[in-house]
Each structure stands twice: as C-alpha cells, then as structure tokens.
Amino acid sequence: MAGQDRRVRRVNVPEDEYARLLAGAGLPEAAAVTMADADRGLARGDLYVDSGHLRRLIGRPTTTLRDAVAAALG
C-alpha cells in the first residue's frame, strides 16, 4: 500500500471497554484484560527509560518510532 494517503483515527477508550473490545474480537478474557492493563501502563509511560543503556548496547543512537516509520515508508 505504499504511496496511499490514508488517515487512521485513534480513539481513546477506558481500560475496561478496551478489554471488552479485545475479548469481543476473539482474544481470551484473561489476555484481553492483560493487554488493556499493559496499554494503560504504556500510556502512563511505565516503560519509558532515558538511561542510554540501549544506545550503548547496540552501539548507535536509538531511533524514534516516528523516524523508523518514516524511513520504512521511504
């Protein structure tokens, strides 16, 4: 689909509603609850780390998601 200009709408939903949506799409209930909880934590920044460890480990500067997607789309 390279070259197509498509808009994607992002909708924030409460954690419990997100879990219901995931379960309704076929995810087992326990997995849906776990995914919704993980999403809440990500939105809150629970996994954000600015220590420089990854940069030192891989031997190059890290890349933002925005830059990685832009590079992939050319």
N, C-alpha and C. Protein backbone atom coordinates (compact mmCIF):
# COMPACT_ATOMS: atom_id res chain seq x y z
N MET A 1 0.82 -1.19 0.00
CA MET A 1 0.00 0.00 0.00
C MET A 1 0.86 1.25 0.00
N ALA A 2 2.09 1.12 -0.41
CA ALA A 2 2.97 2.29 -0.45
C ALA A 2 2.38 3.35 -1.35
N GLY A 3 2.52 4.58 -0.92
CA GLY A 3 2.04 5.70 -1.72
C GLY A 3 0.59 6.09 -1.48
N GLN A 4 -0.13 5.31 -0.72
CA GLN A 4 -1.52 5.65 -0.45
C GLN A 4 -1.60 6.57 0.75
N ASP A 5 -2.41 7.58 0.63
CA ASP A 5 -2.60 8.53 1.73
C ASP A 5 -3.89 8.16 2.45
N ARG A 6 -3.73 7.46 3.57
CA ARG A 6 -4.89 7.02 4.33
C ARG A 6 -4.81 7.58 5.73
N ARG A 7 -5.91 8.05 6.23
CA ARG A 7 -5.97 8.56 7.60
C ARG A 7 -6.41 7.43 8.52
N VAL A 8 -5.80 7.41 9.68
CA VAL A 8 -6.17 6.44 10.70
C VAL A 8 -6.61 7.24 11.92
N ARG A 9 -7.80 6.96 12.38
CA ARG A 9 -8.33 7.67 13.54
C ARG A 9 -8.01 6.90 14.81
N ARG A 10 -7.46 7.59 15.78
CA ARG A 10 -7.15 6.99 17.07
C ARG A 10 -8.25 7.39 18.05
N VAL A 11 -8.75 6.41 18.76
CA VAL A 11 -9.82 6.66 19.72
C VAL A 11 -9.38 6.12 21.08
N ASN A 12 -9.35 6.99 22.07
CA ASN A 12 -9.04 6.55 23.43
C ASN A 12 -10.30 6.00 24.07
N VAL A 13 -10.19 4.80 24.61
CA VAL A 13 -11.33 4.20 25.31
C VAL A 13 -10.87 3.80 26.71
N PRO A 14 -11.76 3.78 27.66
CA PRO A 14 -11.40 3.35 29.02
C PRO A 14 -10.87 1.91 29.00
N GLU A 15 -10.04 1.61 29.97
CA GLU A 15 -9.39 0.30 30.04
C GLU A 15 -10.39 -0.86 30.00
N ASP A 16 -11.46 -0.77 30.77
CA ASP A 16 -12.43 -1.87 30.79
C ASP A 16 -13.14 -2.04 29.45
N GLU A 17 -13.41 -0.94 28.79
CA GLU A 17 -14.04 -1.02 27.46
C GLU A 17 -13.08 -1.62 26.44
N TYR A 18 -11.80 -1.24 26.53
CA TYR A 18 -10.79 -1.79 25.63
C TYR A 18 -10.69 -3.30 25.82
N ALA A 19 -10.69 -3.76 27.07
CA ALA A 19 -10.64 -5.19 27.35
C ALA A 19 -11.86 -5.90 26.73
N ARG A 20 -13.04 -5.29 26.85
CA ARG A 20 -14.25 -5.88 26.25
C ARG A 20 -14.13 -5.93 24.73
N LEU A 21 -13.58 -4.87 24.11
CA LEU A 21 -13.40 -4.86 22.66
C LEU A 21 -12.44 -5.96 22.22
N LEU A 22 -11.34 -6.12 22.95
CA LEU A 22 -10.38 -7.17 22.61
C LEU A 22 -11.00 -8.55 22.76
N ALA A 23 -11.74 -8.76 23.84
CA ALA A 23 -12.40 -10.05 24.05
C ALA A 23 -13.45 -10.28 22.96
N GLY A 24 -14.16 -9.24 22.59
CA GLY A 24 -15.15 -9.36 21.53
C GLY A 24 -14.54 -9.68 20.17
N ALA A 25 -13.27 -9.33 20.00
CA ALA A 25 -12.57 -9.64 18.76
C ALA A 25 -11.96 -11.04 18.78
N GLY A 26 -12.16 -11.75 19.90
CA GLY A 26 -11.72 -13.13 19.97
C GLY A 26 -10.56 -13.43 20.90
N LEU A 27 -10.00 -12.41 21.54
CA LEU A 27 -8.92 -12.64 22.49
C LEU A 27 -9.51 -13.27 23.75
N PRO A 28 -8.84 -14.27 24.31
CA PRO A 28 -9.34 -14.84 25.58
C PRO A 28 -9.46 -13.74 26.64
N GLU A 29 -10.44 -13.86 27.51
CA GLU A 29 -10.73 -12.83 28.50
C GLU A 29 -9.50 -12.41 29.30
N ALA A 30 -8.74 -13.39 29.80
CA ALA A 30 -7.56 -13.06 30.61
C ALA A 30 -6.53 -12.29 29.79
N ALA A 31 -6.34 -12.67 28.55
CA ALA A 31 -5.38 -11.98 27.68
C ALA A 31 -5.87 -10.57 27.38
N ALA A 32 -7.17 -10.40 27.17
CA ALA A 32 -7.73 -9.09 26.89
C ALA A 32 -7.52 -8.14 28.07
N VAL A 33 -7.76 -8.63 29.27
CA VAL A 33 -7.57 -7.81 30.48
C VAL A 33 -6.09 -7.45 30.63
N THR A 34 -5.21 -8.41 30.38
CA THR A 34 -3.77 -8.16 30.48
C THR A 34 -3.32 -7.13 29.46
N MET A 35 -3.79 -7.25 28.23
CA MET A 35 -3.42 -6.30 27.17
C MET A 35 -3.93 -4.89 27.50
N ALA A 36 -5.14 -4.80 27.99
CA ALA A 36 -5.71 -3.50 28.33
C ALA A 36 -4.92 -2.86 29.48
N ASP A 37 -4.52 -3.66 30.45
CA ASP A 37 -3.72 -3.15 31.55
C ASP A 37 -2.35 -2.70 31.06
N ALA A 38 -1.74 -3.47 30.17
CA ALA A 38 -0.44 -3.09 29.62
C ALA A 38 -0.55 -1.79 28.83
N ASP A 39 -1.62 -1.64 28.07
CA ASP A 39 -1.83 -0.42 27.30
C ASP A 39 -1.94 0.79 28.22
N ARG A 40 -2.65 0.63 29.34
CA ARG A 40 -2.77 1.72 30.31
C ARG A 40 -1.39 2.10 30.84
N GLY A 41 -0.59 1.11 31.15
CA GLY A 41 0.75 1.38 31.65
C GLY A 41 1.62 2.07 30.62
N LEU A 42 1.52 1.65 29.37
CA LEU A 42 2.29 2.30 28.30
C LEU A 42 1.88 3.75 28.14
N ALA A 43 0.58 4.00 28.19
CA ALA A 43 0.08 5.37 28.06
C ALA A 43 0.57 6.25 29.21
N ARG A 44 0.75 5.63 30.35
CA ARG A 44 1.21 6.35 31.53
C ARG A 44 2.73 6.56 31.51
N GLY A 45 3.42 5.85 30.60
CA GLY A 45 4.87 5.99 30.50
C GLY A 45 5.65 5.02 31.35
N ASP A 46 5.02 3.95 31.78
CA ASP A 46 5.68 3.00 32.67
C ASP A 46 6.96 2.39 32.09
N LEU A 47 7.05 2.25 30.78
CA LEU A 47 8.23 1.63 30.19
C LEU A 47 9.24 2.64 29.64
N TYR A 48 8.98 3.91 29.83
CA TYR A 48 9.90 4.93 29.32
C TYR A 48 11.19 4.90 30.13
N VAL A 49 12.30 4.80 29.42
CA VAL A 49 13.62 4.78 30.05
C VAL A 49 14.53 5.70 29.23
N ASP A 50 15.19 6.60 29.90
CA ASP A 50 16.09 7.51 29.21
C ASP A 50 17.50 7.38 29.80
N SER A 51 17.93 6.13 30.01
CA SER A 51 19.21 5.88 30.66
C SER A 51 20.38 5.84 29.70
N GLY A 52 20.10 5.63 28.40
CA GLY A 52 21.18 5.48 27.43
C GLY A 52 21.70 4.05 27.32
N HIS A 53 21.14 3.13 28.11
CA HIS A 53 21.61 1.74 28.08
C HIS A 53 21.44 1.10 26.70
N LEU A 54 20.29 1.30 26.07
CA LEU A 54 20.06 0.69 24.77
C LEU A 54 21.05 1.22 23.74
N ARG A 55 21.27 2.52 23.74
CA ARG A 55 22.21 3.13 22.80
C ARG A 55 23.60 2.51 22.97
N ARG A 56 24.04 2.34 24.19
CA ARG A 56 25.36 1.74 24.44
C ARG A 56 25.37 0.26 24.05
N LEU A 57 24.28 -0.43 24.30
CA LEU A 57 24.20 -1.85 23.97
C LEU A 57 24.27 -2.10 22.47
N ILE A 58 23.53 -1.30 21.68
CA ILE A 58 23.50 -1.52 20.23
C ILE A 58 24.59 -0.76 19.49
N GLY A 59 25.30 0.13 20.19
CA GLY A 59 26.43 0.82 19.60
C GLY A 59 26.08 1.90 18.59
N ARG A 60 24.88 2.42 18.68
CA ARG A 60 24.46 3.52 17.80
C ARG A 60 23.32 4.26 18.48
N PRO A 61 23.02 5.46 18.01
CA PRO A 61 21.89 6.18 18.60
C PRO A 61 20.58 5.42 18.37
N THR A 62 19.68 5.52 19.31
CA THR A 62 18.37 4.90 19.14
C THR A 62 17.55 5.71 18.14
N THR A 63 16.52 5.09 17.62
CA THR A 63 15.67 5.72 16.61
C THR A 63 14.26 5.84 17.17
N THR A 64 13.66 7.00 16.99
CA THR A 64 12.27 7.16 17.43
C THR A 64 11.35 6.36 16.52
N LEU A 65 10.19 6.03 17.03
CA LEU A 65 9.20 5.30 16.21
C LEU A 65 8.85 6.14 14.98
N ARG A 66 8.69 7.43 15.18
CA ARG A 66 8.35 8.32 14.08
C ARG A 66 9.40 8.25 12.96
N ASP A 67 10.68 8.29 13.34
CA ASP A 67 11.76 8.22 12.35
C ASP A 67 11.83 6.84 11.69
N ALA A 68 11.61 5.78 12.46
CA ALA A 68 11.65 4.43 11.90
C ALA A 68 10.53 4.22 10.89
N VAL A 69 9.35 4.70 11.20
CA VAL A 69 8.22 4.56 10.27
C VAL A 69 8.47 5.40 9.02
N ALA A 70 8.95 6.61 9.19
CA ALA A 70 9.23 7.47 8.04
C ALA A 70 10.27 6.83 7.13
N ALA A 71 11.30 6.22 7.71
CA ALA A 71 12.33 5.56 6.91
C ALA A 71 11.76 4.34 6.19
N ALA A 72 10.91 3.59 6.86
CA ALA A 72 10.31 2.40 6.25
C ALA A 72 9.39 2.76 5.10
N LEU A 73 8.71 3.90 5.22
CA LEU A 73 7.78 4.32 4.16
C LEU A 73 8.47 5.05 3.03
N GLY A 74 9.74 5.38 3.26
CA GLY A 74 10.55 5.97 2.21
C GLY A 74 10.27 7.41 2.00
